Amino acid sequence: MNQHILIVAAAMAAATLTACRTSYTSDGTSAAEIVDSYTGSINDVNLEIASEPITYTIDISTDEGRAKLNKLSYDEAKSLCLREAVMSARCAKLVNPQYTRLMKGRRVLRITVYGFPATYKNK
Protein backbone atom coordinates (compact mmCIF):
# COMPACT_ATOMS: atom_id res chain seq x y z
CA MET A 1 0.00 0.00 0.00
CA ASN A 2 2.80 2.43 0.91
CA GLN A 3 4.58 1.59 -2.34
CA HIS A 4 1.39 2.42 -4.33
CA ILE A 5 1.06 5.80 -2.58
CA LEU A 6 4.73 6.55 -3.24
CA ILE A 7 4.33 5.81 -6.98
CA VAL A 8 1.25 8.04 -7.24
CA ALA A 9 3.03 10.87 -5.39
CA ALA A 10 6.06 10.61 -7.69
CA ALA A 11 3.84 10.71 -10.79
CA MET A 12 2.02 13.80 -9.49
CA ALA A 13 5.32 15.54 -8.75
CA ALA A 14 6.64 14.79 -12.25
CA ALA A 15 3.44 16.11 -13.84
CA THR A 16 3.62 19.29 -11.78
CA LEU A 17 7.23 19.98 -12.77
CA THR A 18 6.67 19.43 -16.49
CA ALA A 19 3.45 21.46 -16.63
CA CYS A 20 5.17 24.70 -15.56
CA ARG A 21 8.27 24.70 -17.73
CA THR A 22 8.94 27.57 -20.11
CA SER A 23 9.44 26.71 -23.75
CA TYR A 24 10.66 28.74 -26.71
CA THR A 25 9.78 27.49 -30.17
CA SER A 26 9.23 28.80 -33.66
CA ASP A 27 7.21 27.79 -36.67
CA GLY A 28 5.80 29.18 -39.89
CA THR A 29 5.14 28.33 -43.45
CA SER A 30 7.78 26.72 -45.57
CA ALA A 31 9.88 29.10 -47.63
CA ALA A 32 9.20 26.84 -50.61
CA GLU A 33 5.42 27.26 -50.43
CA ILE A 34 3.79 28.97 -53.36
CA VAL A 35 1.95 32.18 -52.51
CA ASP A 36 -1.58 32.03 -53.91
CA SER A 37 -2.22 35.74 -53.80
CA TYR A 38 -5.08 36.25 -56.24
CA THR A 39 -7.52 33.98 -58.01
CA GLY A 40 -8.57 36.36 -60.80
CA SER A 41 -6.80 37.41 -63.96
CA ILE A 42 -3.12 38.26 -63.56
CA ASN A 43 -3.84 41.36 -65.63
CA ASP A 44 -6.07 42.81 -62.90
CA VAL A 45 -3.65 43.19 -59.99
CA ASN A 46 -0.11 42.39 -59.01
CA LEU A 47 1.16 41.49 -55.58
CA GLU A 48 4.17 43.64 -54.80
CA ILE A 49 6.36 42.15 -52.09
CA ALA A 50 8.65 44.48 -50.14
CA SER A 51 12.35 43.68 -50.14
CA GLU A 52 12.72 44.48 -46.42
CA PRO A 53 11.09 42.14 -43.89
CA ILE A 54 9.26 43.32 -40.78
CA THR A 55 8.88 41.87 -37.31
CA TYR A 56 6.01 42.46 -34.92
CA THR A 57 5.97 41.32 -31.29
CA ILE A 58 3.31 41.10 -28.60
CA ASP A 59 4.87 40.61 -25.15
CA ILE A 60 3.28 40.31 -21.71
CA SER A 61 5.99 42.55 -20.23
CA THR A 62 3.92 45.54 -21.40
CA ASP A 63 0.46 46.41 -20.07
CA GLU A 64 -0.98 46.37 -23.59
CA GLY A 65 0.60 43.02 -24.42
CA ARG A 66 -0.57 41.50 -21.14
CA ALA A 67 -4.16 42.57 -21.92
CA LYS A 68 -3.96 41.24 -25.49
CA LEU A 69 -2.46 37.84 -24.63
CA ASN A 70 -4.64 37.22 -21.56
CA LYS A 71 -6.25 33.76 -21.87
CA LEU A 72 -5.39 33.35 -25.57
CA SER A 73 -4.35 29.99 -26.97
CA TYR A 74 -1.25 29.82 -29.16
CA ASP A 75 -3.33 29.75 -32.37
CA GLU A 76 -5.38 32.76 -31.24
CA ALA A 77 -2.22 34.69 -30.30
CA LYS A 78 -0.64 33.79 -33.64
CA SER A 79 -3.69 35.10 -35.52
CA LEU A 80 -3.78 38.31 -33.45
CA CYS A 81 -0.08 38.95 -34.01
CA LEU A 82 -0.41 38.47 -37.77
CA ARG A 83 -3.44 40.81 -38.00
CA GLU A 84 -1.69 43.52 -35.99
CA ALA A 85 1.52 43.17 -38.03
CA VAL A 86 -0.45 43.66 -41.25
CA MET A 87 -2.19 46.73 -39.81
CA SER A 88 1.03 48.26 -38.48
CA ALA A 89 2.83 47.74 -41.81
CA ARG A 90 -0.20 49.00 -43.77
CA CYS A 91 -0.05 46.09 -46.16
CA ALA A 92 -2.49 43.50 -47.49
CA LYS A 93 -0.64 40.44 -46.20
CA LEU A 94 2.67 39.09 -44.95
CA VAL A 95 4.39 36.71 -47.30
CA ASN A 96 6.00 33.64 -45.71
CA PRO A 97 5.23 34.55 -42.07
CA GLN A 98 7.50 32.91 -39.51
CA TYR A 99 6.55 32.80 -35.82
CA THR A 100 8.54 32.54 -32.63
CA ARG A 101 6.92 32.13 -29.26
CA LEU A 102 7.79 31.99 -25.60
CA MET A 103 5.36 29.97 -23.52
CA LYS A 104 5.01 28.86 -19.92
CA GLY A 105 2.87 25.76 -19.98
CA ARG A 106 -0.05 26.71 -22.21
CA ARG A 107 0.25 30.43 -21.50
CA VAL A 108 1.73 32.58 -24.28
CA LEU A 109 4.29 35.02 -22.84
CA ARG A 110 5.58 36.46 -26.12
CA ILE A 111 4.84 35.94 -29.80
CA THR A 112 6.69 37.45 -32.76
CA VAL A 113 5.91 37.29 -36.46
CA TYR A 114 8.51 37.91 -39.19
CA GLY A 115 7.62 38.28 -42.85
CA PHE A 116 7.65 40.37 -45.98
CA PRO A 117 4.82 42.91 -46.31
CA ALA A 118 2.97 42.78 -49.63
CA THR A 119 0.40 45.06 -51.23
CA TYR A 120 -1.83 44.68 -54.25
CA LYS A 121 -1.18 47.11 -57.11
CA ASN A 122 -3.35 47.60 -60.17
CA LYS A 123 -1.69 47.34 -63.52
C-alpha atoms as a PDB file:
ATOM      1  CA  MET A   1       0.000   0.000   0.000  1.00  0.00           C
ATOM      2  CA  ASN A   2       2.803   2.432   0.909  1.00  0.00           C
ATOM      3  CA  GLN A   3       4.577   1.592  -2.339  1.00  0.00           C
ATOM      4  CA  HIS A   4       1.395   2.421  -4.327  1.00  0.00           C
ATOM      5  CA  ILE A   5       1.055   5.803  -2.585  1.00  0.00           C
ATOM      6  CA  LEU A   6       4.731   6.555  -3.235  1.00  0.00           C
ATOM      7  CA  ILE A   7       4.333   5.811  -6.979  1.00  0.00           C
ATOM      8  CA  VAL A   8       1.245   8.041  -7.243  1.00  0.00           C
ATOM      9  CA  ALA A   9       3.026  10.875  -5.385  1.00  0.00           C
ATOM     10  CA  ALA A  10       6.058  10.609  -7.689  1.00  0.00           C
ATOM     11  CA  ALA A  11       3.836  10.710 -10.792  1.00  0.00           C
ATOM     12  CA  MET A  12       2.021  13.801  -9.494  1.00  0.00           C
ATOM     13  CA  ALA A  13       5.319  15.543  -8.747  1.00  0.00           C
ATOM     14  CA  ALA A  14       6.640  14.791 -12.246  1.00  0.00           C
ATOM     15  CA  ALA A  15       3.435  16.106 -13.838  1.00  0.00           C
ATOM     16  CA  THR A  16       3.620  19.294 -11.782  1.00  0.00           C
ATOM     17  CA  LEU A  17       7.232  19.976 -12.769  1.00  0.00           C
ATOM     18  CA  THR A  18       6.675  19.430 -16.491  1.00  0.00           C
ATOM     19  CA  ALA A  19       3.448  21.461 -16.631  1.00  0.00           C
ATOM     20  CA  CYS A  20       5.166  24.696 -15.565  1.00  0.00           C
ATOM     21  CA  ARG A  21       8.268  24.704 -17.732  1.00  0.00           C
ATOM     22  CA  THR A  22       8.943  27.573 -20.107  1.00  0.00           C
ATOM     23  CA  SER A  23       9.439  26.705 -23.750  1.00  0.00           C
ATOM     24  CA  TYR A  24      10.659  28.738 -26.706  1.00  0.00           C
ATOM     25  CA  THR A  25       9.783  27.495 -30.174  1.00  0.00           C
ATOM     26  CA  SER A  26       9.231  28.797 -33.660  1.00  0.00           C
ATOM     27  CA  ASP A  27       7.207  27.785 -36.674  1.00  0.00           C
ATOM     28  CA  GLY A  28       5.801  29.177 -39.887  1.00  0.00           C
ATOM     29  CA  THR A  29       5.144  28.325 -43.450  1.00  0.00           C
ATOM     30  CA  SER A  30       7.784  26.718 -45.573  1.00  0.00           C
ATOM     31  CA  ALA A  31       9.883  29.095 -47.630  1.00  0.00           C
ATOM     32  CA  ALA A  32       9.201  26.837 -50.610  1.00  0.00           C
ATOM     33  CA  GLU A  33       5.418  27.260 -50.429  1.00  0.00           C
ATOM     34  CA  ILE A  34       3.789  28.968 -53.363  1.00  0.00           C
ATOM     35  CA  VAL A  35       1.953  32.183 -52.514  1.00  0.00           C
ATOM     36  CA  ASP A  36      -1.576  32.032 -53.907  1.00  0.00           C
ATOM     37  CA  SER A  37      -2.218  35.741 -53.803  1.00  0.00           C
ATOM     38  CA  TYR A  38      -5.083  36.253 -56.237  1.00  0.00           C
ATOM     39  CA  THR A  39      -7.516  33.975 -58.009  1.00  0.00           C
ATOM     40  CA  GLY A  40      -8.572  36.358 -60.804  1.00  0.00           C
ATOM     41  CA  SER A  41      -6.796  37.409 -63.958  1.00  0.00           C
ATOM     42  CA  ILE A  42      -3.120  38.260 -63.561  1.00  0.00           C
ATOM     43  CA  ASN A  43      -3.836  41.362 -65.634  1.00  0.00           C
ATOM     44  CA  ASP A  44      -6.074  42.811 -62.899  1.00  0.00           C
ATOM     45  CA  VAL A  45      -3.654  43.188 -59.990  1.00  0.00           C
ATOM     46  CA  ASN A  46      -0.111  42.391 -59.006  1.00  0.00           C
ATOM     47  CA  LEU A  47       1.159  41.492 -55.575  1.00  0.00           C
ATOM     48  CA  GLU A  48       4.171  43.642 -54.801  1.00  0.00           C
ATOM     49  CA  ILE A  49       6.363  42.155 -52.088  1.00  0.00           C
ATOM     50  CA  ALA A  50       8.651  44.480 -50.140  1.00  0.00           C
ATOM     51  CA  SER A  51      12.353  43.677 -50.139  1.00  0.00           C
ATOM     52  CA  GLU A  52      12.719  44.478 -46.421  1.00  0.00           C
ATOM     53  CA  PRO A  53      11.088  42.135 -43.892  1.00  0.00           C
ATOM     54  CA  ILE A  54       9.256  43.323 -40.785  1.00  0.00           C
ATOM     55  CA  THR A  55       8.876  41.867 -37.310  1.00  0.00           C
ATOM     56  CA  TYR A  56       6.008  42.461 -34.915  1.00  0.00           C
ATOM     57  CA  THR A  57       5.973  41.321 -31.288  1.00  0.00           C
ATOM     58  CA  ILE A  58       3.314  41.104 -28.596  1.00  0.00           C
ATOM     59  CA  ASP A  59       4.873  40.610 -25.153  1.00  0.00           C
ATOM     60  CA  ILE A  60       3.279  40.312 -21.710  1.00  0.00           C
ATOM     61  CA  SER A  61       5.992  42.545 -20.229  1.00  0.00           C
ATOM     62  CA  THR A  62       3.924  45.537 -21.402  1.00  0.00           C
ATOM     63  CA  ASP A  63       0.459  46.406 -20.073  1.00  0.00           C
ATOM     64  CA  GLU A  64      -0.984  46.372 -23.592  1.00  0.00           C
ATOM     65  CA  GLY A  65       0.599  43.020 -24.416  1.00  0.00           C
ATOM     66  CA  ARG A  66      -0.574  41.504 -21.141  1.00  0.00           C
ATOM     67  CA  ALA A  67      -4.163  42.566 -21.925  1.00  0.00           C
ATOM     68  CA  LYS A  68      -3.964  41.238 -25.491  1.00  0.00           C
ATOM     69  CA  LEU A  69      -2.460  37.839 -24.626  1.00  0.00           C
ATOM     70  CA  ASN A  70      -4.636  37.221 -21.564  1.00  0.00           C
ATOM     71  CA  LYS A  71      -6.255  33.760 -21.870  1.00  0.00           C
ATOM     72  CA  LEU A  72      -5.393  33.349 -25.568  1.00  0.00           C
ATOM     73  CA  SER A  73      -4.351  29.993 -26.971  1.00  0.00           C
ATOM     74  CA  TYR A  74      -1.254  29.816 -29.159  1.00  0.00           C
ATOM     75  CA  ASP A  75      -3.335  29.754 -32.367  1.00  0.00           C
ATOM     76  CA  GLU A  76      -5.383  32.762 -31.243  1.00  0.00           C
ATOM     77  CA  ALA A  77      -2.223  34.691 -30.298  1.00  0.00           C
ATOM     78  CA  LYS A  78      -0.645  33.789 -33.645  1.00  0.00           C
ATOM     79  CA  SER A  79      -3.687  35.105 -35.523  1.00  0.00           C
ATOM     80  CA  LEU A  80      -3.779  38.311 -33.455  1.00  0.00           C
ATOM     81  CA  CYS A  81      -0.076  38.948 -34.011  1.00  0.00           C
ATOM     82  CA  LEU A  82      -0.410  38.471 -37.768  1.00  0.00           C
ATOM     83  CA  ARG A  83      -3.440  40.808 -37.997  1.00  0.00           C
ATOM     84  CA  GLU A  84      -1.692  43.523 -35.995  1.00  0.00           C
ATOM     85  CA  ALA A  85       1.523  43.168 -38.027  1.00  0.00           C
ATOM     86  CA  VAL A  86      -0.446  43.656 -41.253  1.00  0.00           C
ATOM     87  CA  MET A  87      -2.193  46.726 -39.808  1.00  0.00           C
ATOM     88  CA  SER A  88       1.028  48.257 -38.475  1.00  0.00           C
ATOM     89  CA  ALA A  89       2.827  47.738 -41.808  1.00  0.00           C
ATOM     90  CA  ARG A  90      -0.202  49.002 -43.771  1.00  0.00           C
ATOM     91  CA  CYS A  91      -0.048  46.094 -46.160  1.00  0.00           C
ATOM     92  CA  ALA A  92      -2.489  43.497 -47.488  1.00  0.00           C
ATOM     93  CA  LYS A  93      -0.636  40.444 -46.200  1.00  0.00           C
ATOM     94  CA  LEU A  94       2.665  39.091 -44.946  1.00  0.00           C
ATOM     95  CA  VAL A  95       4.393  36.709 -47.297  1.00  0.00           C
ATOM     96  CA  ASN A  96       5.997  33.641 -45.710  1.00  0.00           C
ATOM     97  CA  PRO A  97       5.226  34.549 -42.072  1.00  0.00           C
ATOM     98  CA  GLN A  98       7.501  32.907 -39.511  1.00  0.00           C
ATOM     99  CA  TYR A  99       6.547  32.796 -35.824  1.00  0.00           C
ATOM    100  CA  THR A 100       8.539  32.537 -32.633  1.00  0.00           C
ATOM    101  CA  ARG A 101       6.918  32.133 -29.259  1.00  0.00           C
ATOM    102  CA  LEU A 102       7.790  31.991 -25.604  1.00  0.00           C
ATOM    103  CA  MET A 103       5.364  29.968 -23.519  1.00  0.00           C
ATOM    104  CA  LYS A 104       5.005  28.857 -19.924  1.00  0.00           C
ATOM    105  CA  GLY A 105       2.866  25.758 -19.980  1.00  0.00           C
ATOM    106  CA  ARG A 106      -0.050  26.711 -22.212  1.00  0.00           C
ATOM    107  CA  ARG A 107       0.246  30.427 -21.496  1.00  0.00           C
ATOM    108  CA  VAL A 108       1.727  32.585 -24.275  1.00  0.00           C
ATOM    109  CA  LEU A 109       4.286  35.024 -22.837  1.00  0.00           C
ATOM    110  CA  ARG A 110       5.584  36.456 -26.115  1.00  0.00           C
ATOM    111  CA  ILE A 111       4.844  35.942 -29.803  1.00  0.00           C
ATOM    112  CA  THR A 112       6.688  37.446 -32.756  1.00  0.00           C
ATOM    113  CA  VAL A 113       5.914  37.287 -36.459  1.00  0.00           C
ATOM    114  CA  TYR A 114       8.505  37.913 -39.187  1.00  0.00           C
ATOM    115  CA  GLY A 115       7.619  38.280 -42.848  1.00  0.00           C
ATOM    116  CA  PHE A 116       7.649  40.373 -45.985  1.00  0.00           C
ATOM    117  CA  PRO A 117       4.821  42.911 -46.312  1.00  0.00           C
ATOM    118  CA  ALA A 118       2.974  42.781 -49.627  1.00  0.00           C
ATOM    119  CA  THR A 119       0.400  45.059 -51.228  1.00  0.00           C
ATOM    120  CA  TYR A 120      -1.831  44.683 -54.252  1.00  0.00           C
ATOM    121  CA  LYS A 121      -1.177  47.109 -57.114  1.00  0.00           C
ATOM    122  CA  ASN A 122      -3.352  47.605 -60.166  1.00  0.00           C
ATOM    123  CA  LYS A 123      -1.691  47.339 -63.519  1.00  0.00           C
END
